[in-house]
Amino acid sequence: MGQYETARQFCEKALSIELKTIGSNHLAVSATYNNIGTIYQHMKRFSDALDYHIKALQIELKIFNGVNHPLIALTINNVGTVCMRIEEYSEAMNYFERALQIQLETLKTDNHPLIATSLNNIATTYSRIKNHEKSIEYFVRALNVRLALTDHLAASETYDNMAQHYKEQEQYFGALKCFQNAIEEARQVLPITQENISQYQAEISRLSSLT
């Protein structure tokens, strides 16, 4: 926790300087607000996190003056993430769907890492509210984007998310298959994924006795 408090203090000092030198109506300021909001998320100070992300969003909406932009979608996703962590799932879904809509409009492609993140966020929210069919639908959409981008690390994490979802539903064969696929993707980016692979292998060992 100490490192987050140190980071927060540095960011607050940077914010103070920015507000004095360039004013509040600047993307650098919104970026700093977002950074502080993310730090507060790590500190589990979700009310503070939400406050800072919303401040960032207000600045971006003013700067872009009603025109959608990927930066706006990124901040909206940040707000949605906080809502999900405090179990405000309806609000989280609204933010994630809005972010996805903006990204599809502004990025001009279906295959982009930010789109995959939004799809994964929607899938996770559906999983939390026990809408299993929609959860898997969006996990698969996120996975397809990440596979198309040959983003092996993100693909392995999506397989892991799907596996955890299947395991929660006691669909152990589906979970087992997803963990196996997660290992295959993770092996493409060794050695940074060695710990992940070990965790997936342990999950497979546990599940093997249940299938």
N, C-alpha and C. Protein backbone atom coordinates (compact mmCIF):
# COMPACT_ATOMS: atom_id res chain seq x y z
N MET A 1 0.83 -1.21 0.00
CA MET A 1 0.00 0.00 0.00
C MET A 1 0.86 1.25 0.00
N GLY A 2 2.04 1.17 0.60
CA GLY A 2 2.91 2.33 0.71
C GLY A 2 3.31 2.90 -0.63
N GLN A 3 3.59 2.01 -1.60
CA GLN A 3 4.00 2.50 -2.92
C GLN A 3 2.89 3.26 -3.61
N TYR A 4 1.63 2.87 -3.36
CA TYR A 4 0.51 3.58 -3.97
C TYR A 4 0.35 4.97 -3.37
N GLU A 5 0.55 5.08 -2.06
CA GLU A 5 0.46 6.38 -1.42
C GLU A 5 1.55 7.32 -1.93
N THR A 6 2.74 6.76 -2.12
CA THR A 6 3.84 7.57 -2.68
C THR A 6 3.50 8.02 -4.09
N ALA A 7 2.98 7.11 -4.89
CA ALA A 7 2.60 7.46 -6.26
C ALA A 7 1.49 8.51 -6.27
N ARG A 8 0.55 8.36 -5.36
CA ARG A 8 -0.55 9.34 -5.28
C ARG A 8 -0.02 10.73 -4.96
N GLN A 9 0.91 10.80 -4.02
CA GLN A 9 1.47 12.09 -3.64
C GLN A 9 2.20 12.76 -4.80
N PHE A 10 2.97 11.96 -5.55
CA PHE A 10 3.67 12.50 -6.72
C PHE A 10 2.67 13.03 -7.74
N CYS A 11 1.60 12.25 -7.98
CA CYS A 11 0.59 12.67 -8.96
C CYS A 11 -0.15 13.91 -8.50
N GLU A 12 -0.43 14.00 -7.21
CA GLU A 12 -1.11 15.18 -6.69
C GLU A 12 -0.24 16.43 -6.86
N LYS A 13 1.08 16.28 -6.66
CA LYS A 13 2.00 17.40 -6.87
C LYS A 13 2.01 17.80 -8.35
N ALA A 14 2.03 16.79 -9.23
CA ALA A 14 2.01 17.08 -10.67
C ALA A 14 0.71 17.78 -11.04
N LEU A 15 -0.41 17.33 -10.47
CA LEU A 15 -1.70 17.94 -10.75
C LEU A 15 -1.71 19.41 -10.32
N SER A 16 -1.16 19.68 -9.15
CA SER A 16 -1.12 21.05 -8.64
C SER A 16 -0.34 21.96 -9.59
N ILE A 17 0.79 21.45 -10.09
CA ILE A 17 1.61 22.22 -11.02
C ILE A 17 0.85 22.45 -12.33
N GLU A 18 0.21 21.39 -12.83
CA GLU A 18 -0.53 21.51 -14.09
C GLU A 18 -1.66 22.52 -13.98
N LEU A 19 -2.39 22.49 -12.89
CA LEU A 19 -3.52 23.40 -12.73
C LEU A 19 -3.05 24.86 -12.69
N LYS A 20 -1.85 25.07 -12.12
CA LYS A 20 -1.32 26.44 -12.03
C LYS A 20 -0.75 26.92 -13.36
N THR A 21 -0.21 25.98 -14.16
CA THR A 21 0.51 26.40 -15.37
C THR A 21 -0.31 26.30 -16.65
N ILE A 22 -1.16 25.30 -16.76
CA ILE A 22 -1.91 25.13 -18.01
C ILE A 22 -3.42 25.18 -17.80
N GLY A 23 -3.85 25.25 -16.55
CA GLY A 23 -5.28 25.31 -16.28
C GLY A 23 -5.94 23.95 -16.32
N SER A 24 -7.20 23.93 -15.96
CA SER A 24 -7.91 22.65 -15.83
C SER A 24 -8.37 22.08 -17.17
N ASN A 25 -8.53 22.94 -18.17
CA ASN A 25 -9.10 22.50 -19.45
C ASN A 25 -7.99 22.00 -20.37
N HIS A 26 -7.38 20.88 -19.98
CA HIS A 26 -6.23 20.35 -20.75
C HIS A 26 -6.19 18.84 -20.58
N LEU A 27 -5.85 18.14 -21.67
CA LEU A 27 -5.82 16.67 -21.62
C LEU A 27 -4.76 16.13 -20.66
N ALA A 28 -3.69 16.88 -20.46
CA ALA A 28 -2.68 16.44 -19.49
C ALA A 28 -3.27 16.38 -18.09
N VAL A 29 -4.15 17.32 -17.79
CA VAL A 29 -4.80 17.34 -16.47
C VAL A 29 -5.77 16.16 -16.34
N SER A 30 -6.55 15.90 -17.39
CA SER A 30 -7.47 14.76 -17.33
C SER A 30 -6.69 13.45 -17.18
N ALA A 31 -5.53 13.36 -17.84
CA ALA A 31 -4.69 12.15 -17.70
C ALA A 31 -4.22 11.97 -16.27
N THR A 32 -3.85 13.08 -15.62
CA THR A 32 -3.39 12.99 -14.24
C THR A 32 -4.54 12.61 -13.30
N TYR A 33 -5.71 13.19 -13.54
CA TYR A 33 -6.88 12.78 -12.76
C TYR A 33 -7.14 11.28 -12.91
N ASN A 34 -7.04 10.79 -14.14
CA ASN A 34 -7.23 9.35 -14.37
C ASN A 34 -6.17 8.53 -13.64
N ASN A 35 -4.93 8.99 -13.68
CA ASN A 35 -3.86 8.26 -12.99
C ASN A 35 -4.12 8.18 -11.49
N ILE A 36 -4.55 9.29 -10.91
CA ILE A 36 -4.84 9.29 -9.48
C ILE A 36 -6.03 8.39 -9.19
N GLY A 37 -7.03 8.44 -10.05
CA GLY A 37 -8.18 7.55 -9.88
C GLY A 37 -7.79 6.09 -9.90
N THR A 38 -6.88 5.73 -10.80
CA THR A 38 -6.42 4.34 -10.87
C THR A 38 -5.65 3.95 -9.61
N ILE A 39 -4.84 4.87 -9.11
CA ILE A 39 -4.12 4.61 -7.86
C ILE A 39 -5.10 4.37 -6.72
N TYR A 40 -6.15 5.19 -6.65
CA TYR A 40 -7.16 5.01 -5.61
C TYR A 40 -7.86 3.67 -5.76
N GLN A 41 -8.05 3.21 -7.01
CA GLN A 41 -8.63 1.87 -7.19
C GLN A 41 -7.75 0.80 -6.55
N HIS A 42 -6.43 0.91 -6.78
CA HIS A 42 -5.51 -0.06 -6.18
C HIS A 42 -5.54 0.01 -4.65
N MET A 43 -5.81 1.20 -4.13
CA MET A 43 -5.88 1.39 -2.68
C MET A 43 -7.25 1.02 -2.12
N LYS A 44 -8.18 0.63 -3.02
CA LYS A 44 -9.55 0.27 -2.66
C LYS A 44 -10.31 1.45 -2.06
N ARG A 45 -9.92 2.65 -2.45
CA ARG A 45 -10.65 3.85 -2.06
C ARG A 45 -11.53 4.24 -3.26
N PHE A 46 -12.61 3.49 -3.40
CA PHE A 46 -13.38 3.55 -4.64
C PHE A 46 -14.16 4.86 -4.80
N SER A 47 -14.62 5.43 -3.72
CA SER A 47 -15.31 6.71 -3.82
C SER A 47 -14.38 7.78 -4.37
N ASP A 48 -13.15 7.80 -3.86
CA ASP A 48 -12.16 8.76 -4.36
C ASP A 48 -11.81 8.46 -5.82
N ALA A 49 -11.68 7.19 -6.13
CA ALA A 49 -11.36 6.79 -7.51
C ALA A 49 -12.44 7.28 -8.47
N LEU A 50 -13.68 7.07 -8.09
CA LEU A 50 -14.79 7.49 -8.94
C LEU A 50 -14.78 9.01 -9.12
N ASP A 51 -14.50 9.73 -8.06
CA ASP A 51 -14.47 11.19 -8.12
C ASP A 51 -13.43 11.67 -9.13
N TYR A 52 -12.24 11.09 -9.10
CA TYR A 52 -11.17 11.54 -9.98
C TYR A 52 -11.41 11.13 -11.44
N HIS A 53 -11.92 9.93 -11.64
CA HIS A 53 -12.22 9.52 -13.02
C HIS A 53 -13.32 10.39 -13.62
N ILE A 54 -14.31 10.74 -12.83
CA ILE A 54 -15.39 11.60 -13.34
C ILE A 54 -14.86 13.00 -13.64
N LYS A 55 -13.95 13.50 -12.82
CA LYS A 55 -13.33 14.80 -13.12
C LYS A 55 -12.59 14.73 -14.46
N ALA A 56 -11.89 13.64 -14.69
CA ALA A 56 -11.20 13.46 -15.97
C ALA A 56 -12.19 13.44 -17.12
N LEU A 57 -13.29 12.72 -16.93
CA LEU A 57 -14.30 12.61 -17.98
C LEU A 57 -14.93 13.96 -18.29
N GLN A 58 -15.20 14.75 -17.27
CA GLN A 58 -15.80 16.07 -17.48
C GLN A 58 -14.88 16.97 -18.30
N ILE A 59 -13.59 16.90 -18.04
CA ILE A 59 -12.63 17.70 -18.81
C ILE A 59 -12.62 17.26 -20.27
N GLU A 60 -12.58 15.96 -20.48
CA GLU A 60 -12.52 15.44 -21.86
C GLU A 60 -13.78 15.77 -22.64
N LEU A 61 -14.93 15.64 -21.99
CA LEU A 61 -16.18 15.99 -22.67
C LEU A 61 -16.21 17.46 -23.06
N LYS A 62 -15.66 18.31 -22.21
CA LYS A 62 -15.60 19.74 -22.52
C LYS A 62 -14.64 20.02 -23.66
N ILE A 63 -13.47 19.39 -23.63
CA ILE A 63 -12.46 19.63 -24.66
C ILE A 63 -12.95 19.18 -26.02
N PHE A 64 -13.53 17.99 -26.09
CA PHE A 64 -13.97 17.45 -27.38
C PHE A 64 -15.34 17.95 -27.79
N ASN A 65 -16.00 18.67 -26.89
CA ASN A 65 -17.22 19.42 -27.22
C ASN A 65 -18.28 18.58 -27.93
N GLY A 66 -18.57 17.43 -27.33
CA GLY A 66 -19.63 16.59 -27.87
C GLY A 66 -19.21 15.63 -28.96
N VAL A 67 -17.95 15.70 -29.38
CA VAL A 67 -17.44 14.79 -30.41
C VAL A 67 -16.81 13.58 -29.72
N ASN A 68 -17.24 12.40 -30.11
CA ASN A 68 -16.69 11.19 -29.50
C ASN A 68 -15.22 11.02 -29.84
N HIS A 69 -14.47 10.46 -28.87
CA HIS A 69 -13.03 10.28 -29.03
C HIS A 69 -12.61 9.07 -28.21
N PRO A 70 -11.60 8.30 -28.67
CA PRO A 70 -11.15 7.13 -27.90
C PRO A 70 -10.74 7.44 -26.47
N LEU A 71 -10.19 8.64 -26.22
CA LEU A 71 -9.82 9.00 -24.85
C LEU A 71 -11.03 9.05 -23.93
N ILE A 72 -12.14 9.55 -24.47
CA ILE A 72 -13.37 9.58 -23.68
C ILE A 72 -13.81 8.16 -23.32
N ALA A 73 -13.73 7.26 -24.30
CA ALA A 73 -14.11 5.86 -24.06
C ALA A 73 -13.22 5.23 -23.00
N LEU A 74 -11.93 5.57 -23.02
CA LEU A 74 -11.00 5.02 -22.04
C LEU A 74 -11.38 5.45 -20.63
N THR A 75 -11.72 6.72 -20.48
CA THR A 75 -12.11 7.22 -19.16
C THR A 75 -13.45 6.65 -18.73
N ILE A 76 -14.38 6.52 -19.68
CA ILE A 76 -15.67 5.90 -19.36
C ILE A 76 -15.46 4.47 -18.86
N ASN A 77 -14.53 3.75 -19.48
CA ASN A 77 -14.22 2.41 -19.00
C ASN A 77 -13.68 2.44 -17.57
N ASN A 78 -12.88 3.45 -17.26
CA ASN A 78 -12.36 3.58 -15.89
C ASN A 78 -13.50 3.77 -14.89
N VAL A 79 -14.46 4.62 -15.25
CA VAL A 79 -15.62 4.83 -14.38
C VAL A 79 -16.40 3.53 -14.22
N GLY A 80 -16.60 2.83 -15.33
CA GLY A 80 -17.32 1.55 -15.27
C GLY A 80 -16.63 0.53 -14.40
N THR A 81 -15.31 0.52 -14.45
CA THR A 81 -14.55 -0.44 -13.64
C THR A 81 -14.78 -0.19 -12.15
N VAL A 82 -14.78 1.08 -11.76
CA VAL A 82 -15.06 1.39 -10.35
C VAL A 82 -16.47 0.96 -9.98
N CYS A 83 -17.43 1.25 -10.85
CA CYS A 83 -18.81 0.84 -10.58
C CYS A 83 -18.91 -0.67 -10.40
N MET A 84 -18.20 -1.42 -11.23
CA MET A 84 -18.23 -2.87 -11.11
C MET A 84 -17.63 -3.32 -9.78
N ARG A 85 -16.55 -2.67 -9.37
CA ARG A 85 -15.87 -3.09 -8.13
C ARG A 85 -16.70 -2.77 -6.89
N ILE A 86 -17.60 -1.79 -6.98
CA ILE A 86 -18.48 -1.51 -5.85
C ILE A 86 -19.86 -2.15 -6.05
N GLU A 87 -19.92 -3.06 -7.03
CA GLU A 87 -21.09 -3.89 -7.29
C GLU A 87 -22.29 -3.09 -7.78
N GLU A 88 -22.02 -1.97 -8.42
CA GLU A 88 -23.08 -1.22 -9.09
C GLU A 88 -23.11 -1.69 -10.55
N TYR A 89 -23.64 -2.89 -10.77
CA TYR A 89 -23.47 -3.57 -12.04
C TYR A 89 -24.27 -2.92 -13.18
N SER A 90 -25.44 -2.41 -12.88
CA SER A 90 -26.22 -1.76 -13.92
C SER A 90 -25.50 -0.52 -14.43
N GLU A 91 -24.96 0.28 -13.50
CA GLU A 91 -24.21 1.47 -13.89
C GLU A 91 -22.95 1.07 -14.66
N ALA A 92 -22.27 0.04 -14.18
CA ALA A 92 -21.05 -0.42 -14.86
C ALA A 92 -21.35 -0.83 -16.29
N MET A 93 -22.45 -1.57 -16.48
CA MET A 93 -22.81 -2.02 -17.82
C MET A 93 -23.09 -0.84 -18.74
N ASN A 94 -23.78 0.15 -18.21
CA ASN A 94 -24.07 1.35 -19.02
C ASN A 94 -22.78 2.02 -19.49
N TYR A 95 -21.82 2.15 -18.59
CA TYR A 95 -20.56 2.79 -18.95
C TYR A 95 -19.78 1.94 -19.95
N PHE A 96 -19.70 0.65 -19.72
CA PHE A 96 -18.93 -0.22 -20.62
C PHE A 96 -19.54 -0.25 -22.02
N GLU A 97 -20.85 -0.32 -22.09
CA GLU A 97 -21.51 -0.34 -23.41
C GLU A 97 -21.32 1.00 -24.13
N ARG A 98 -21.36 2.09 -23.37
CA ARG A 98 -21.12 3.40 -23.98
C ARG A 98 -19.69 3.50 -24.50
N ALA A 99 -18.74 2.99 -23.71
CA ALA A 99 -17.34 3.01 -24.14
C ALA A 99 -17.16 2.21 -25.42
N LEU A 100 -17.77 1.02 -25.47
CA LEU A 100 -17.66 0.17 -26.65
C LEU A 100 -18.24 0.86 -27.88
N GLN A 101 -19.39 1.49 -27.71
CA GLN A 101 -20.02 2.19 -28.83
C GLN A 101 -19.11 3.29 -29.38
N ILE A 102 -18.50 4.05 -28.50
CA ILE A 102 -17.60 5.12 -28.92
C ILE A 102 -16.38 4.54 -29.64
N GLN A 103 -15.84 3.47 -29.11
CA GLN A 103 -14.66 2.85 -29.72
C GLN A 103 -14.96 2.31 -31.11
N LEU A 104 -16.07 1.64 -31.26
CA LEU A 104 -16.43 1.11 -32.57
C LEU A 104 -16.63 2.23 -33.58
N GLU A 105 -17.12 3.38 -33.10
CA GLU A 105 -17.35 4.52 -33.97
C GLU A 105 -16.05 5.23 -34.34
N THR A 106 -15.14 5.36 -33.38
CA THR A 106 -13.97 6.23 -33.58
C THR A 106 -12.71 5.48 -34.03
N LEU A 107 -12.60 4.22 -33.68
CA LEU A 107 -11.39 3.47 -34.03
C LEU A 107 -11.44 2.87 -35.43
N LYS A 108 -12.64 2.85 -36.00
CA LYS A 108 -12.83 2.42 -37.40
C LYS A 108 -12.39 0.98 -37.67
N THR A 109 -12.39 0.15 -36.64
CA THR A 109 -12.04 -1.26 -36.80
C THR A 109 -12.68 -2.04 -35.66
N ASP A 110 -12.95 -3.32 -35.92
CA ASP A 110 -13.46 -4.19 -34.86
C ASP A 110 -12.33 -4.84 -34.08
N ASN A 111 -11.12 -4.82 -34.63
CA ASN A 111 -9.98 -5.50 -34.01
C ASN A 111 -9.01 -4.48 -33.44
N HIS A 112 -9.22 -4.15 -32.20
CA HIS A 112 -8.36 -3.19 -31.50
C HIS A 112 -8.28 -3.61 -30.03
N PRO A 113 -7.12 -3.48 -29.40
CA PRO A 113 -6.99 -3.88 -27.99
C PRO A 113 -7.99 -3.21 -27.07
N LEU A 114 -8.29 -1.93 -27.32
CA LEU A 114 -9.25 -1.23 -26.46
C LEU A 114 -10.66 -1.79 -26.59
N ILE A 115 -11.02 -2.20 -27.81
CA ILE A 115 -12.32 -2.84 -28.02
C ILE A 115 -12.38 -4.17 -27.28
N ALA A 116 -11.29 -4.91 -27.33
CA ALA A 116 -11.24 -6.19 -26.61
C ALA A 116 -11.41 -5.97 -25.11
N THR A 117 -10.81 -4.91 -24.59
CA THR A 117 -10.93 -4.60 -23.16
C THR A 117 -12.38 -4.30 -22.80
N SER A 118 -13.06 -3.51 -23.63
CA SER A 118 -14.46 -3.20 -23.35
C SER A 118 -15.33 -4.44 -23.42
N LEU A 119 -15.09 -5.27 -24.42
CA LEU A 119 -15.86 -6.52 -24.53
C LEU A 119 -15.63 -7.41 -23.31
N ASN A 120 -14.38 -7.47 -22.86
CA ASN A 120 -14.05 -8.28 -21.68
C ASN A 120 -14.73 -7.71 -20.43
N ASN A 121 -14.76 -6.38 -20.33
CA ASN A 121 -15.43 -5.76 -19.18
C ASN A 121 -16.92 -6.07 -19.17
N ILE A 122 -17.54 -6.01 -20.33
CA ILE A 122 -18.97 -6.34 -20.43
C ILE A 122 -19.20 -7.80 -20.05
N ALA A 123 -18.33 -8.68 -20.56
CA ALA A 123 -18.45 -10.10 -20.23
C ALA A 123 -18.34 -10.34 -18.73
N THR A 124 -17.38 -9.67 -18.10
CA THR A 124 -17.19 -9.83 -16.66
C THR A 124 -18.40 -9.34 -15.89
N THR A 125 -18.98 -8.23 -16.34
CA THR A 125 -20.18 -7.71 -15.67
C THR A 125 -21.33 -8.69 -15.80
N TYR A 126 -21.53 -9.24 -17.00
CA TYR A 126 -22.58 -10.25 -17.17
C TYR A 126 -22.33 -11.45 -16.27
N SER A 127 -21.06 -11.82 -16.12
CA SER A 127 -20.73 -12.95 -15.24
C SER A 127 -21.12 -12.65 -13.80
N ARG A 128 -20.88 -11.41 -13.37
CA ARG A 128 -21.19 -11.03 -11.98
C ARG A 128 -22.70 -11.07 -11.72
N ILE A 129 -23.49 -10.76 -12.74
CA ILE A 129 -24.95 -10.75 -12.54
C ILE A 129 -25.58 -12.08 -12.98
N LYS A 130 -24.73 -13.07 -13.21
CA LYS A 130 -25.16 -14.45 -13.48
C LYS A 130 -25.90 -14.61 -14.81
N ASN A 131 -25.61 -13.73 -15.76
CA ASN A 131 -26.15 -13.92 -17.11
C ASN A 131 -25.09 -14.69 -17.90
N HIS A 132 -25.13 -16.00 -17.78
CA HIS A 132 -24.03 -16.83 -18.25
C HIS A 132 -23.94 -16.85 -19.78
N GLU A 133 -25.07 -16.85 -20.45
CA GLU A 133 -25.05 -16.90 -21.91
C GLU A 133 -24.41 -15.64 -22.49
N LYS A 134 -24.82 -14.49 -21.99
CA LYS A 134 -24.25 -13.24 -22.49
C LYS A 134 -22.79 -13.09 -22.08
N SER A 135 -22.45 -13.58 -20.92
CA SER A 135 -21.06 -13.49 -20.47
C SER A 135 -20.14 -14.23 -21.43
N ILE A 136 -20.48 -15.46 -21.76
CA ILE A 136 -19.65 -16.25 -22.67
C ILE A 136 -19.63 -15.61 -24.06
N GLU A 137 -20.78 -15.07 -24.50
CA GLU A 137 -20.83 -14.41 -25.81
C GLU A 137 -19.79 -13.29 -25.89
N TYR A 138 -19.72 -12.48 -24.86
CA TYR A 138 -18.80 -11.34 -24.90
C TYR A 138 -17.36 -11.75 -24.63
N PHE A 139 -17.16 -12.78 -23.81
CA PHE A 139 -15.80 -13.30 -23.65
C PHE A 139 -15.26 -13.81 -24.98
N VAL A 140 -16.10 -14.51 -25.73
CA VAL A 140 -15.69 -15.05 -27.03
C VAL A 140 -15.38 -13.91 -28.00
N ARG A 141 -16.19 -12.87 -27.97
CA ARG A 141 -15.93 -11.72 -28.84
C ARG A 141 -14.58 -11.07 -28.48
N ALA A 142 -14.33 -10.90 -27.19
CA ALA A 142 -13.06 -10.32 -26.76
C ALA A 142 -11.90 -11.23 -27.17
N LEU A 143 -12.10 -12.53 -26.99
CA LEU A 143 -11.05 -13.50 -27.35
C LEU A 143 -10.74 -13.45 -28.84
N ASN A 144 -11.76 -13.38 -29.66
CA ASN A 144 -11.55 -13.36 -31.11
C ASN A 144 -10.74 -12.14 -31.54
N VAL A 145 -11.00 -11.01 -30.90
CA VAL A 145 -10.21 -9.80 -31.22
C VAL A 145 -8.76 -10.02 -30.83
N ARG A 146 -8.53 -10.55 -29.65
CA ARG A 146 -7.16 -10.73 -29.17
C ARG A 146 -6.40 -11.79 -29.97
N LEU A 147 -7.10 -12.80 -30.40
CA LEU A 147 -6.45 -13.81 -31.26
C LEU A 147 -6.12 -13.20 -32.62
N ALA A 148 -7.03 -12.38 -33.15
CA ALA A 148 -6.79 -11.73 -34.44
C ALA A 148 -5.58 -10.81 -34.37
N LEU A 149 -5.36 -10.23 -33.20
CA LEU A 149 -4.22 -9.31 -33.00
C LEU A 149 -2.96 -10.06 -32.57
N THR A 150 -3.05 -11.39 -32.47
CA THR A 150 -1.96 -12.24 -31.93
C THR A 150 -1.42 -11.69 -30.62
N ASP A 151 -2.35 -11.22 -29.78
CA ASP A 151 -2.00 -10.75 -28.44
C ASP A 151 -2.09 -11.95 -27.50
N HIS A 152 -1.00 -12.72 -27.45
CA HIS A 152 -1.03 -14.00 -26.75
C HIS A 152 -1.29 -13.83 -25.25
N LEU A 153 -0.67 -12.83 -24.65
CA LEU A 153 -0.85 -12.62 -23.22
C LEU A 153 -2.30 -12.30 -22.88
N ALA A 154 -2.89 -11.35 -23.61
CA ALA A 154 -4.29 -10.99 -23.37
C ALA A 154 -5.22 -12.15 -23.68
N ALA A 155 -4.91 -12.91 -24.74
CA ALA A 155 -5.75 -14.07 -25.08
C ALA A 155 -5.72 -15.11 -23.97
N SER A 156 -4.54 -15.33 -23.40
CA SER A 156 -4.44 -16.31 -22.31
C SER A 156 -5.24 -15.84 -21.11
N GLU A 157 -5.24 -14.54 -20.85
CA GLU A 157 -6.00 -14.01 -19.72
C GLU A 157 -7.51 -14.13 -19.97
N THR A 158 -7.91 -13.97 -21.24
CA THR A 158 -9.33 -14.14 -21.56
C THR A 158 -9.76 -15.59 -21.41
N TYR A 159 -8.92 -16.51 -21.85
CA TYR A 159 -9.22 -17.93 -21.62
C TYR A 159 -9.34 -18.22 -20.12
N ASP A 160 -8.48 -17.61 -19.33
CA ASP A 160 -8.54 -17.77 -17.88
C ASP A 160 -9.86 -17.24 -17.34
N ASN A 161 -10.27 -16.06 -17.80
CA ASN A 161 -11.56 -15.50 -17.37
C ASN A 161 -12.71 -16.44 -17.71
N MET A 162 -12.67 -17.00 -18.93
CA MET A 162 -13.72 -17.93 -19.34
C MET A 162 -13.69 -19.19 -18.48
N ALA A 163 -12.49 -19.66 -18.20
CA ALA A 163 -12.35 -20.86 -17.37
C ALA A 163 -12.94 -20.64 -15.98
N GLN A 164 -12.64 -19.49 -15.41
CA GLN A 164 -13.17 -19.20 -14.07
C GLN A 164 -14.70 -19.12 -14.10
N HIS A 165 -15.23 -18.57 -15.17
CA HIS A 165 -16.68 -18.50 -15.32
C HIS A 165 -17.28 -19.90 -15.42
N TYR A 166 -16.69 -20.75 -16.26
CA TYR A 166 -17.18 -22.12 -16.39
C TYR A 166 -17.07 -22.87 -15.06
N LYS A 167 -15.97 -22.65 -14.36
CA LYS A 167 -15.76 -23.36 -13.10
C LYS A 167 -16.82 -22.96 -12.07
N GLU A 168 -17.16 -21.69 -12.05
CA GLU A 168 -18.19 -21.21 -11.13
C GLU A 168 -19.53 -21.86 -11.41
N GLN A 169 -19.77 -22.17 -12.71
CA GLN A 169 -21.03 -22.82 -13.11
C GLN A 169 -20.94 -24.35 -13.03
N GLU A 170 -19.82 -24.83 -12.50
CA GLU A 170 -19.56 -26.27 -12.39
C GLU A 170 -19.55 -26.96 -13.74
N GLN A 171 -19.19 -26.20 -14.78
CA GLN A 171 -19.00 -26.76 -16.12
C GLN A 171 -17.49 -27.05 -16.28
N TYR A 172 -17.09 -28.14 -15.64
CA TYR A 172 -15.66 -28.38 -15.47
C TYR A 172 -14.95 -28.72 -16.76
N PHE A 173 -15.63 -29.39 -17.68
CA PHE A 173 -14.99 -29.71 -18.95
C PHE A 173 -14.66 -28.44 -19.72
N GLY A 174 -15.61 -27.49 -19.75
CA GLY A 174 -15.36 -26.22 -20.42
C GLY A 174 -14.23 -25.46 -19.76
N ALA A 175 -14.20 -25.47 -18.43
CA ALA A 175 -13.13 -24.80 -17.70
C ALA A 175 -11.77 -25.43 -18.02
N LEU A 176 -11.74 -26.76 -18.04
CA LEU A 176 -10.51 -27.47 -18.33
C LEU A 176 -9.97 -27.11 -19.71
N LYS A 177 -10.85 -27.10 -20.69
CA LYS A 177 -10.44 -26.77 -22.06
C LYS A 177 -9.89 -25.34 -22.13
N CYS A 178 -10.53 -24.41 -21.42
CA CYS A 178 -10.07 -23.02 -21.46
C CYS A 178 -8.71 -22.86 -20.79
N PHE A 179 -8.49 -23.57 -19.69
CA PHE A 179 -7.18 -23.51 -19.04
C PHE A 179 -6.09 -24.09 -19.95
N GLN A 180 -6.43 -25.16 -20.67
CA GLN A 180 -5.46 -25.73 -21.62
C GLN A 180 -5.12 -24.73 -22.72
N ASN A 181 -6.14 -24.05 -23.23
CA ASN A 181 -5.90 -23.04 -24.26
C ASN A 181 -5.12 -21.85 -23.70
N ALA A 182 -5.39 -21.51 -22.45
CA ALA A 182 -4.66 -20.42 -21.80
C ALA A 182 -3.17 -20.74 -21.74
N ILE A 183 -2.85 -21.99 -21.44
CA ILE A 183 -1.44 -22.40 -21.39
C ILE A 183 -0.80 -22.28 -22.77
N GLU A 184 -1.50 -22.72 -23.80
CA GLU A 184 -0.95 -22.64 -25.15
C GLU A 184 -0.63 -21.21 -25.55
N GLU A 185 -1.54 -20.29 -25.23
CA GLU A 185 -1.29 -18.88 -25.54
C GLU A 185 -0.15 -18.33 -24.68
N ALA A 186 -0.16 -18.66 -23.42
CA ALA A 186 0.86 -18.13 -22.50
C ALA A 186 2.26 -18.61 -22.87
N ARG A 187 2.35 -19.80 -23.41
CA ARG A 187 3.67 -20.34 -23.80
C ARG A 187 4.31 -19.52 -24.91
N GLN A 188 3.49 -18.78 -25.66
CA GLN A 188 4.03 -17.99 -26.76
C GLN A 188 4.80 -16.77 -26.26
N VAL A 189 4.63 -16.42 -24.99
CA VAL A 189 5.29 -15.21 -24.47
C VAL A 189 6.08 -15.51 -23.19
N LEU A 190 6.61 -16.73 -23.12
CA LEU A 190 7.53 -17.05 -22.03
C LEU A 190 8.77 -16.16 -22.14
N PRO A 191 9.45 -15.85 -21.03
CA PRO A 191 9.24 -16.36 -19.66
C PRO A 191 8.30 -15.54 -18.80
N ILE A 192 7.74 -14.44 -19.33
CA ILE A 192 6.97 -13.55 -18.45
C ILE A 192 5.69 -14.20 -17.95
N THR A 193 5.27 -15.29 -18.58
CA THR A 193 4.01 -15.93 -18.19
C THR A 193 4.23 -17.23 -17.41
N GLN A 194 5.45 -17.49 -16.98
CA GLN A 194 5.73 -18.76 -16.32
C GLN A 194 4.86 -18.96 -15.07
N GLU A 195 4.70 -17.91 -14.28
CA GLU A 195 3.88 -18.03 -13.08
C GLU A 195 2.42 -18.31 -13.45
N ASN A 196 1.93 -17.64 -14.50
CA ASN A 196 0.56 -17.88 -14.95
C ASN A 196 0.38 -19.32 -15.39
N ILE A 197 1.35 -19.83 -16.15
CA ILE A 197 1.27 -21.21 -16.63
C ILE A 197 1.20 -22.18 -15.47
N SER A 198 2.01 -21.93 -14.44
CA SER A 198 1.99 -22.80 -13.26
C SER A 198 0.62 -22.79 -12.59
N GLN A 199 0.00 -21.62 -12.54
CA GLN A 199 -1.34 -21.53 -11.95
C GLN A 199 -2.37 -22.26 -12.79
N TYR A 200 -2.27 -22.13 -14.12
CA TYR A 200 -3.21 -22.83 -14.99
C TYR A 200 -3.04 -24.35 -14.86
N GLN A 201 -1.80 -24.80 -14.77
CA GLN A 201 -1.53 -26.24 -14.62
C GLN A 201 -2.11 -26.77 -13.32
N ALA A 202 -2.00 -25.98 -12.26
CA ALA A 202 -2.57 -26.39 -10.98
C ALA A 202 -4.09 -26.48 -11.07
N GLU A 203 -4.71 -25.55 -11.79
CA GLU A 203 -6.16 -25.59 -11.99
C GLU A 203 -6.55 -26.85 -12.76
N ILE A 204 -5.78 -27.17 -13.78
CA ILE A 204 -6.07 -28.36 -14.59
C ILE A 204 -5.99 -29.62 -13.73
N SER A 205 -4.99 -29.67 -12.87
CA SER A 205 -4.85 -30.84 -11.98
C SER A 205 -6.07 -31.01 -11.07
N ARG A 206 -6.55 -29.89 -10.55
CA ARG A 206 -7.72 -29.96 -9.68
C ARG A 206 -8.98 -30.36 -10.46
N LEU A 207 -9.09 -29.82 -11.66
CA LEU A 207 -10.30 -30.08 -12.44
C LEU A 207 -10.33 -31.50 -13.01
N SER A 208 -9.17 -32.06 -13.24
CA SER A 208 -9.10 -33.39 -13.88
C SER A 208 -9.83 -34.43 -13.05
N SER A 209 -9.84 -34.25 -11.76
CA SER A 209 -10.52 -35.23 -10.90
C SER A 209 -12.04 -35.03 -10.90
N LEU A 210 -12.49 -33.92 -11.51
CA LEU A 210 -13.93 -33.62 -11.50
C LEU A 210 -14.59 -33.88 -12.85
N THR A 211 -13.78 -34.17 -13.87
CA THR A 211 -14.35 -34.36 -15.22
C THR A 211 -14.33 -35.82 -15.61
